[in-house]
Each structure stands twice: as structure tokens, then as C-alpha cells.
Amino acid sequence: MDVTEAASALAQNKKAALLIGAAGAALLGFGLGYKYMRKPEKAARVGVVSQLLIHPLKSGKAVPVSVAECLKLGLKSGNLEDRHWLVVDEEGNMVTARQESRLVLVSLTFEGGCGVLNGPDMEELKFPFHQPNNPIVNCRVFSMDVQGRDCGDNVSHWFTSFLGAEKTFRLVHFEPQMKPRRPAEMEPLFPKSEEVAYPDIAPVMLLSEASVKDLSSKLEKEVTVERFRPSIVISDCEPFDEDSWEEIQIGSVRLQRVMSCGRCVLTTVDPETGTITRKEPLDTLKSYRMCKPSEKHIYKAAPLFGQLLTVKKTGILQVGDEVYKITR
């Protein structure tokens, strides 16, 4: 290499070094800028978890637990998985307490690898939790397609006898490998990636004791939290504080509010008797819990009571955990 070539190579190397240095400085500057532009999180204590309620059977009795896993599809404790069992008719359409109000009296629990069904004036029925040879059937929840494993003829006879209708009812179970539903197909406010099994729309519903107490103060007959079928119940807060919790932290679990829970005729089913009035407490809720006019396209004529959440970070929840509102 002669003197001229050597000088040219040195100049090119210097230019490359300057470009690399400039790029590195730009990246460093961007990183520092992002760090300082991003607002730090603030956590403010807003309440305490007073109850964790798992509803294994959609429209069935709640099972209170002291500890639960909070997963993307909702609460889980052992074989108890929130709204992973569904009563359907012969065409695969969901059956809830809206159509058969006595479903709220049915208890589905688990014991020694078996599901256990109980209901008023019915003999207890045990059935295998795993029935891999049973058919997988196509079902519909609010006209949205979903799958379920049929739980067998004995279970079908039990529900058909209990509900006493001139129809045949069957029970199906949602399994991990099955195709879930996407709430965004029904409500665009939900992230497109969000999935659920058999809940109406969200994996988690949160409600405060104070909100229920406030409603009861306006009624002739008090109502309990169970009537509104929440997953997480909060105490030590003011009525409807939960409306303003856009993001919350409970233990290691992070939850994101999507929307308020628009209430329907199901709230008029008494969880103790299984009777439906189609009146209270829905009428009273409509007198003071309607949405803003700008939100009518979302909630229509439904009063708002409780909050629908998605799970940003899974983890363990316990009764007694403090609840923190996250702001930035």
C-alpha cells in the first residue's frame, strides 16, 4: 500500500468511527430522554380485598376462597376456575339465570378429581373432572362461538331434572386447548388480544362493599354482594371509588380497567331463593347510576355498577391484600 492509499484508508476509518460515535451518542440520548420523559408511577392505597369469589358454573353459586391465582382468563383455585363450566341447550346456546333463574342455587365444587353438583331437593352428583373421550361441542355465548367438553349424560339428566323444563340441558367445560372468545368482537373497548372462556365479557369484575351498601340504603330490602357476581370485592373505600381506578396493583397482580359493568335483569334474581322479579334493584340503579350522554353508544340503557378489568400481570391474590391505585 503506497502513501496515498494509506492516507485514504485512514480518512475512511476516521469517518466510520465518527459515524459510529454519533449513532451511539444519539441512542444514548434517546434512552436518557425516554427515561426522563416517562413519568414515574405513583401508588396510592385505596382499599383492601375483603372477598375473592369464584363462580365455576356460569350463573351458579359463588365459591369464596381466601387465596386465588389471578390468570389471564380470571380467578383460579385448584380445579375451581371462574366461569369455565356452562349450561347449554340442545343447540349449544348458553343458558343462564336470565332464562332459568334457579341456576343461581346450583353449587359446583370439586373433590378428589370429581366435580360435585348440589341443588335444593336434588341428590348430590359427582362426575369425573377429566372426561377426554366425551365430545367437544360448539357453543355460543351471546352469539359468539366457543367450545366446551360435554360433561356426560348423568350431568345432563341432573340439570334437566333440576330445572324442570321441557328441554334437555347439558353441561360443558372449557379446557386450555380450546378456542376462547375475544371480547373485542362484542365490545371494541377491549384489547383485540384479550380472551375469555364463558364470562359475559371480562375475565375480572371488581365491586366495592361501600357501593353495595349505598345501593341497599335506597332499597326496601337490602341486597348482598353475591347478587352482582363480582370476582374481587373491596372494602375500606367510599361508594363508587372503584369507578376511578384505571389501573390497580394488588400484591403482584396488575389489573387494568376497561369499562364499567352495565347491569341487566340478572341483578333481579335473588341468590337465596332463585326467584326473579325483573324490577329491583335494577330500577333503583337506573335512577342514579346511568352513564354520561356521551357514553350512551357504549352502555345504552344499562345502569353501571362495578368495573370490568383485564389482567396485565398475573399472580396471587389474597383476602386482606391492600389495593393500590396506579397513576403516572
Protein backbone atom coordinates (compact mmCIF):
# COMPACT_ATOMS: atom_id res chain seq x y z
CA MET A 1 0.00 0.00 0.00
CA ASP A 2 1.52 3.39 -1.05
CA VAL A 3 1.31 6.63 0.96
CA THR A 4 -1.79 7.89 -0.91
CA GLU A 5 -3.76 4.64 -0.29
CA ALA A 6 -2.79 4.62 3.37
CA ALA A 7 -3.99 8.21 3.85
CA SER A 8 -7.31 7.39 2.13
CA ALA A 9 -7.89 4.31 4.31
CA LEU A 10 -7.11 6.31 7.46
CA ALA A 11 -9.60 9.02 6.44
CA GLN A 12 -12.33 6.41 5.80
CA ASN A 13 -11.69 4.76 9.17
CA LYS A 14 -11.93 8.13 10.93
CA LYS A 15 -15.20 8.88 9.14
CA ALA A 16 -16.64 5.48 10.11
CA ALA A 17 -15.55 6.00 13.73
CA LEU A 18 -17.21 9.42 13.81
CA LEU A 19 -20.45 7.98 12.36
CA ILE A 20 -20.49 5.11 14.89
CA GLY A 21 -19.77 7.55 17.70
CA ALA A 22 -22.57 9.86 16.59
CA ALA A 23 -25.03 6.95 16.33
CA GLY A 24 -24.05 5.73 19.79
CA ALA A 25 -24.50 9.20 21.25
CA ALA A 26 -27.91 9.51 19.58
CA LEU A 27 -29.04 6.17 21.01
CA LEU A 28 -27.75 7.11 24.44
CA GLY A 29 -29.52 10.45 24.22
CA PHE A 30 -32.77 8.77 23.15
CA GLY A 31 -32.51 6.31 26.02
CA LEU A 32 -31.88 9.03 28.57
CA GLY A 33 -34.62 11.18 27.07
CA TYR A 34 -37.09 8.29 27.23
CA LYS A 35 -36.11 7.62 30.82
CA TYR A 36 -36.78 11.21 31.87
CA MET A 37 -39.84 11.67 29.63
CA ARG A 38 -41.53 8.58 31.07
CA LYS A 39 -43.42 9.61 34.16
CA PRO A 40 -42.70 7.56 37.27
CA GLU A 41 -45.52 5.51 38.70
CA LYS A 42 -47.28 6.58 41.87
CA ALA A 43 -49.14 4.08 44.05
CA ALA A 44 -51.87 5.26 46.42
CA ARG A 45 -53.62 2.86 48.79
CA VAL A 46 -57.35 2.84 48.03
CA GLY A 47 -58.76 -0.22 49.78
CA VAL A 48 -58.44 -3.83 50.92
CA VAL A 49 -59.54 -7.11 49.33
CA SER A 50 -62.40 -8.39 51.53
CA GLN A 51 -63.63 -11.28 49.35
CA LEU A 52 -62.46 -13.39 46.43
CA LEU A 53 -65.35 -15.15 44.70
CA ILE A 54 -65.01 -17.84 42.05
CA HIS A 55 -68.09 -18.80 40.02
CA PRO A 56 -67.08 -22.11 38.39
CA LEU A 57 -70.53 -22.51 36.81
CA LYS A 58 -71.80 -19.56 34.82
CA SER A 59 -74.87 -18.29 36.76
CA GLY A 60 -74.16 -20.79 39.57
CA LYS A 61 -73.29 -20.15 43.22
CA ALA A 62 -70.06 -18.37 44.13
CA VAL A 63 -67.31 -20.25 45.94
CA PRO A 64 -65.46 -17.93 48.37
CA VAL A 65 -61.71 -18.55 48.61
CA SER A 66 -59.02 -16.90 50.73
CA VAL A 67 -56.28 -17.23 48.09
CA ALA A 68 -56.55 -17.42 44.30
CA GLU A 69 -54.38 -17.30 41.22
CA CYS A 70 -55.29 -14.35 39.03
CA LEU A 71 -54.73 -15.58 35.49
CA LYS A 72 -55.45 -14.04 32.10
CA LEU A 73 -58.78 -15.90 31.97
CA GLY A 74 -59.77 -14.99 35.53
CA LEU A 75 -59.51 -16.39 39.06
CA LYS A 76 -58.45 -19.98 39.76
CA SER A 77 -58.04 -22.07 42.90
CA GLY A 78 -57.19 -25.72 42.32
CA ASN A 79 -59.86 -27.09 39.97
CA LEU A 80 -62.07 -24.08 40.64
CA GLU A 81 -61.80 -21.88 37.55
CA ASP A 82 -64.05 -18.87 37.16
CA ARG A 83 -66.87 -19.40 34.64
CA HIS A 84 -65.28 -22.42 32.96
CA TRP A 85 -68.49 -24.51 33.10
CA LEU A 86 -71.59 -23.62 31.13
CA VAL A 87 -75.13 -24.99 30.84
CA VAL A 88 -76.28 -25.15 27.22
CA ASP A 89 -79.43 -26.24 25.41
CA GLU A 90 -79.51 -28.93 22.72
CA GLU A 91 -78.43 -26.42 20.08
CA GLY A 92 -75.39 -25.34 22.12
CA ASN A 93 -76.78 -21.94 23.15
CA MET A 94 -75.83 -20.72 26.63
CA VAL A 95 -78.41 -20.98 29.40
CA THR A 96 -78.05 -18.54 32.28
CA ALA A 97 -80.18 -17.31 35.18
CA ARG A 98 -81.70 -14.79 32.78
CA GLN A 99 -83.63 -17.70 31.29
CA GLU A 100 -83.52 -20.21 34.17
CA SER A 101 -83.31 -18.19 37.39
CA ARG A 102 -82.91 -21.27 39.64
CA LEU A 103 -79.42 -21.81 38.25
CA VAL A 104 -78.16 -19.39 40.94
CA LEU A 105 -78.97 -22.12 43.51
CA VAL A 106 -76.64 -24.69 41.92
CA SER A 107 -73.30 -25.29 43.61
CA LEU A 108 -70.40 -26.72 41.59
CA THR A 109 -67.35 -27.68 43.68
CA PHE A 110 -64.54 -30.23 43.35
CA GLU A 111 -63.44 -33.16 45.46
CA GLY A 112 -60.87 -35.86 44.72
CA GLY A 113 -60.73 -35.38 40.97
CA CYS A 114 -64.52 -35.11 40.64
CA GLY A 115 -66.94 -32.28 40.07
CA VAL A 116 -69.69 -32.14 42.70
CA LEU A 117 -73.14 -30.74 41.92
CA ASN A 118 -75.62 -29.73 44.62
CA GLY A 119 -79.00 -28.03 44.47
CA PRO A 120 -82.20 -27.78 46.54
CA ASP A 121 -84.17 -31.06 46.67
CA MET A 122 -81.56 -32.77 44.48
CA GLU A 123 -79.25 -35.65 45.31
CA GLU A 124 -75.58 -34.70 45.18
CA LEU A 125 -73.97 -35.79 41.93
CA LYS A 126 -70.28 -36.47 41.40
CA PHE A 127 -68.80 -36.68 37.92
CA PRO A 128 -65.22 -37.08 36.62
CA PHE A 129 -63.30 -33.84 36.17
CA HIS A 130 -61.43 -35.24 33.15
CA GLN A 131 -63.55 -36.98 30.50
CA PRO A 132 -61.25 -37.00 27.44
CA ASN A 133 -63.47 -39.42 25.49
CA ASN A 134 -66.50 -37.13 25.69
CA PRO A 135 -67.19 -34.99 22.61
CA ILE A 136 -66.11 -31.38 22.26
CA VAL A 137 -69.14 -29.35 21.24
CA ASN A 138 -69.51 -25.95 19.62
CA CYS A 139 -71.36 -23.50 21.87
CA ARG A 140 -72.44 -19.90 21.77
CA VAL A 141 -72.23 -17.20 24.44
CA PHE A 142 -74.08 -14.06 23.29
CA SER A 143 -73.93 -15.43 19.72
CA MET A 144 -70.13 -15.71 19.92
CA ASP A 145 -68.67 -19.13 19.14
CA VAL A 146 -66.76 -21.04 21.81
CA GLN A 147 -66.06 -24.69 22.57
CA GLY A 148 -66.75 -26.98 25.52
CA ARG A 149 -66.24 -30.60 26.56
CA ASP A 150 -69.57 -32.31 27.24
CA CYS A 151 -69.73 -33.50 30.86
CA GLY A 152 -71.86 -36.56 30.18
CA ASP A 153 -75.44 -37.86 30.29
CA ASN A 154 -75.67 -38.18 34.09
CA VAL A 155 -74.91 -34.48 34.48
CA SER A 156 -77.35 -33.65 31.69
CA HIS A 157 -80.13 -35.61 33.46
CA TRP A 158 -79.33 -33.82 36.74
CA PHE A 159 -79.70 -30.33 35.25
CA THR A 160 -82.75 -31.30 33.19
CA SER A 161 -84.43 -32.66 36.32
CA PHE A 162 -83.44 -29.69 38.50
CA LEU A 163 -84.62 -27.02 36.05
CA GLY A 164 -87.83 -28.94 35.36
CA ALA A 165 -88.28 -27.53 31.89
CA GLU A 166 -89.50 -29.36 28.79
CA LYS A 167 -85.99 -29.14 27.39
CA THR A 168 -82.77 -31.09 27.64
CA PHE A 169 -79.84 -29.27 29.24
CA ARG A 170 -76.18 -30.22 29.08
CA LEU A 171 -73.07 -29.04 30.93
CA VAL A 172 -69.84 -28.24 29.09
CA HIS A 173 -66.34 -27.49 30.38
CA PHE A 174 -63.81 -25.12 28.82
CA GLU A 175 -60.34 -26.70 28.56
CA PRO A 176 -56.99 -24.93 27.99
CA GLN A 177 -56.53 -26.15 24.41
CA MET A 178 -59.95 -24.90 23.29
CA LYS A 179 -60.72 -21.84 21.22
CA PRO A 180 -61.71 -18.98 23.56
CA ARG A 181 -63.82 -15.91 22.79
CA ARG A 182 -62.50 -12.42 22.09
CA PRO A 183 -64.41 -9.68 23.95
CA ALA A 184 -63.36 -7.09 21.37
CA GLU A 185 -65.77 -8.74 18.90
CA MET A 186 -68.60 -7.73 21.23
CA GLU A 187 -67.16 -4.59 22.83
CA PRO A 188 -64.46 -2.63 20.91
CA LEU A 189 -63.11 -1.04 24.13
CA PHE A 190 -61.39 -4.36 24.93
CA PRO A 191 -57.93 -5.07 23.52
CA LYS A 192 -58.10 -7.28 20.43
CA SER A 193 -55.73 -9.78 22.07
CA GLU A 194 -57.93 -10.28 25.15
CA GLU A 195 -59.55 -13.71 25.52
CA VAL A 196 -62.17 -15.21 27.84
CA ALA A 197 -63.93 -18.55 28.35
CA TYR A 198 -67.60 -18.21 29.42
CA PRO A 199 -67.81 -14.85 31.28
CA ASP A 200 -70.14 -12.30 29.71
CA ILE A 201 -67.25 -10.15 28.58
CA ALA A 202 -64.34 -9.67 31.03
CA PRO A 203 -62.09 -12.04 32.99
CA VAL A 204 -62.40 -10.00 36.21
CA MET A 205 -65.20 -7.90 37.71
CA LEU A 206 -64.48 -5.74 40.75
CA LEU A 207 -67.00 -4.15 43.13
CA SER A 208 -66.75 -2.40 46.50
CA GLU A 209 -68.76 -3.21 49.61
CA ALA A 210 -69.47 0.51 50.01
CA SER A 211 -71.18 0.68 46.61
CA VAL A 212 -73.46 -2.23 47.54
CA LYS A 213 -74.22 -0.60 50.90
CA ASP A 214 -75.05 2.67 49.14
CA LEU A 215 -77.49 0.87 46.84
CA SER A 216 -79.05 -1.04 49.76
CA SER A 217 -79.73 2.23 51.57
CA LYS A 218 -82.08 3.16 48.71
CA LEU A 219 -83.99 -0.15 48.69
CA GLU A 220 -86.78 -1.56 50.82
CA LYS A 221 -84.87 -4.83 51.12
CA GLU A 222 -81.08 -4.91 51.35
CA VAL A 223 -79.02 -6.72 48.73
CA THR A 224 -75.71 -8.52 49.11
CA VAL A 225 -72.55 -8.53 47.06
CA GLU A 226 -73.37 -12.04 45.78
CA ARG A 227 -76.27 -10.69 43.73
CA PHE A 228 -73.80 -8.86 41.47
CA ARG A 229 -71.40 -11.78 40.97
CA PRO A 230 -68.03 -10.00 41.29
CA SER A 231 -64.63 -11.72 41.27
CA ILE A 232 -62.96 -9.28 43.67
CA VAL A 233 -64.70 -7.38 46.47
CA ILE A 234 -63.04 -4.34 48.03
CA SER A 235 -63.60 -2.79 51.47
CA ASP A 236 -62.23 0.32 53.21
CA CYS A 237 -63.20 2.76 50.45
CA GLU A 238 -66.05 5.15 49.65
CA PRO A 239 -69.02 4.22 47.43
CA PHE A 240 -68.10 4.08 43.74
CA ASP A 241 -64.43 4.92 44.34
CA GLU A 242 -63.70 1.96 42.08
CA ASP A 243 -65.09 3.94 39.11
CA SER A 244 -61.88 5.99 39.06
CA TRP A 245 -59.33 3.18 39.41
CA GLU A 246 -57.95 2.95 35.87
CA GLU A 247 -55.07 0.70 36.93
CA ILE A 248 -54.59 -1.11 40.22
CA GLN A 249 -51.97 -3.24 41.92
CA ILE A 250 -52.93 -6.00 44.37
CA GLY A 251 -49.93 -7.96 45.62
CA SER A 252 -48.04 -8.99 42.47
CA VAL A 253 -51.17 -8.68 40.29
CA ARG A 254 -51.71 -5.70 37.98
CA LEU A 255 -55.25 -5.06 36.69
CA GLN A 256 -56.41 -2.61 34.03
CA ARG A 257 -59.91 -1.11 33.95
CA VAL A 258 -61.61 -1.35 30.56
CA MET A 259 -65.14 -0.15 31.27
CA SER A 260 -67.94 -0.09 33.81
CA CYS A 261 -70.23 -3.10 34.16
CA GLY A 262 -73.59 -2.41 32.54
CA ARG A 263 -76.26 -4.21 34.55
CA CYS A 264 -79.16 -6.34 33.28
CA VAL A 265 -82.15 -8.31 34.54
CA LEU A 266 -79.84 -10.88 36.18
CA THR A 267 -79.45 -8.48 39.12
CA THR A 268 -83.15 -9.01 39.90
CA VAL A 269 -82.59 -12.72 40.65
CA ASP A 270 -82.45 -13.37 44.40
CA PRO A 271 -79.36 -15.54 45.05
CA GLU A 272 -81.01 -17.09 48.12
CA THR A 273 -84.34 -18.12 46.55
CA GLY A 274 -83.68 -18.22 42.78
CA THR A 275 -86.75 -16.06 42.09
CA ILE A 276 -86.66 -13.27 39.52
CA THR A 277 -88.66 -10.04 39.86
CA ARG A 278 -87.34 -8.12 36.83
CA LYS A 279 -87.68 -4.98 39.00
CA GLU A 280 -85.31 -4.36 41.89
CA PRO A 281 -82.54 -3.45 42.37
CA LEU A 282 -82.33 -2.71 38.63
CA ASP A 283 -84.97 0.03 38.70
CA THR A 284 -83.23 1.84 41.56
CA LEU A 285 -79.85 1.55 39.84
CA LYS A 286 -81.40 3.14 36.76
CA SER A 287 -82.49 6.11 38.89
CA TYR A 288 -78.95 7.17 39.76
CA ARG A 289 -76.30 5.08 38.04
CA MET A 290 -76.76 5.84 34.33
CA CYS A 291 -73.85 6.73 32.07
CA LYS A 292 -72.97 10.16 30.70
CA PRO A 293 -74.82 11.10 27.49
CA SER A 294 -71.52 10.81 25.61
CA GLU A 295 -71.27 7.12 26.60
CA LYS A 296 -74.77 6.01 25.61
CA HIS A 297 -73.43 4.33 22.48
CA ILE A 298 -71.44 2.05 24.82
CA TYR A 299 -73.83 1.33 27.70
CA LYS A 300 -77.19 2.12 26.10
CA ALA A 301 -79.91 1.85 28.81
CA ALA A 302 -77.90 -0.24 31.30
CA PRO A 303 -77.06 1.24 34.72
CA LEU A 304 -73.42 0.98 35.80
CA PHE A 305 -72.35 -0.99 38.85
CA GLY A 306 -68.85 -2.46 39.25
CA GLN A 307 -65.84 -2.40 36.96
CA LEU A 308 -64.64 -4.78 34.25
CA LEU A 309 -60.90 -5.42 34.27
CA THR A 310 -58.24 -7.23 32.28
CA VAL A 311 -55.16 -8.86 33.81
CA LYS A 312 -51.95 -7.04 32.84
CA LYS A 313 -49.77 -9.09 35.19
CA THR A 314 -50.78 -12.45 36.64
CA GLY A 315 -50.05 -13.52 40.20
CA ILE A 316 -51.56 -14.47 43.55
CA LEU A 317 -54.41 -12.63 45.29
CA GLN A 318 -55.28 -13.00 48.96
CA VAL A 319 -58.11 -11.73 51.13
CA GLY A 320 -56.57 -8.92 53.18
CA ASP A 321 -54.30 -7.67 50.37
CA GLU A 322 -54.11 -3.92 50.10
CA VAL A 323 -55.25 -2.33 46.84
CA TYR A 324 -53.20 0.44 45.23
CA LYS A 325 -54.33 2.83 42.53
CA ILE A 326 -51.55 3.40 39.99
CA THR A 327 -51.09 6.81 38.39
CA ARG A 328 -48.33 8.37 36.29
